[in-house]
Amino acid sequence: MAEVKDAFRNFIECEKNHEIRFAVLEMESCNGMDSQPFTKAECEFKIRETTDKKSLYITVGQMFKDGIKFMKDRIGKKKKKDASQKEALSRITSFYKSKAKNEASLRKVFDMDTVMETDVAVALTEHLLKALSPGQSCILDSKSKFKDHCKCDLKEKATFDKTLIGNKSVWYGHIDVIFSSPKLHVEVSEEDLENEIESLNISGNPPVGESIAEIKKSYADHSMNQAIAQTIVFSCLKQMKDTELSNHMVPNLVISPEKFRIIMYNAKEDVLLCSHSIDLFDSPKKLSSKAIVVIWMVLHYRCFGSKSNEANQEELKKCKSQFRTLVGSKWETYKNDLDYVESGYRKYLKLDKLLSNGENINLFQ
């Protein structure tokens, strides 16, 4: 599709000029060793510097080498691509076919006289984020106020569910949006679920999603502290439950109707990155092609993201966030004991399984 290729060309030109950069963050203090909800997370950080005091940054082209190569191949009409890249291409192609309709739906919601934060979250997920994501499926925080269908003319229906993750001895809390992993988004019977729990020796919680988003009605309302804490906890959870992603930077899209930024954390290497703010719209009614492409690429980081085991290891040492050092012994909790804090039905299944194989204690003789 010509419009997609044009978007790819424009993005590659932006990348040549290093227009999208990720700052390399070093944490100086935090309360991640305490029992704190995300909303009360505290993080003091600075941008790492070279010896001559220049801020360190990594370009989007370095972070997504496979994504840039894929776009160049598509422009050059090279057909070779794997299944995940083929699926990713179908997502952005499909989005561009209905781009004008999605833009109109977003503007209708954003321009309402009275718009709630949940209205913004539903509109952004239904008319942008979900459409570009690998599984085209996501859940919104069930604790959101005024849950409803999208306020656009199409009245798209959103899915609300529990999104509480972490461990209540450290950082924990609700995520605004969790995007599903396509290979994990399946319906299973109770019998299959019990077999899965037994064979995999897991806790019975639902599989962790692919990526997350934090959505606010106004960009000024975003809390960097909260977003960093969410990113670190979710990345650690991914590292623990999805070993295929051990070398990836796991993203959090921090987005509003005006702008967004991308925060990424690699739990294996303790690297924390944060992009500058990026405009969502080129004009009042037109989504930025640069924004569409970078969001699409970030949501498909599994197939487009650069892996830390391919990085220059000496340079990688300069990028440590020091989060592990700051939280001390609590790093073991982040590494091994994070989960869905509320897991409902599957927790009961684990309880039933444990009781069926337990040992009686003769409490009352």
Foldseek 3Di string as FASTA:
>chain_A
DVVLLVLLVVLVVCQVVLVKKKFQKAWPAWQQLAQDELVPTDTDIDGFADPVRHGDIDGPCQFFVQLNVVSVCVNVVNDDDDPQVVLLVVLLVVLVVCVLVLLQLQLVQLPDPDHDQLLQLQSCLQSAQLSLFNQSAKEAAQPDPPQAFHPGPVRHHGHHDHAWKWDSRGYIYGFGMFAADNVQPDDDDPVVLLVCCVVVVDQQFRQGHQAGEAEGQDLVPDDPSSQQSVQLLSLLSCVQRPVLCQFHWGWYWYDHQFWIKIWTARLNLQIIIIIDIDGQAPDSRHGDSNNRSVSSCNSSCSSRGDGNVPDDVVVSVSSHRCPCVNSDPCVCCSNHPMDRPDGPPSNVSSVVVDVVPDDDDPPDD
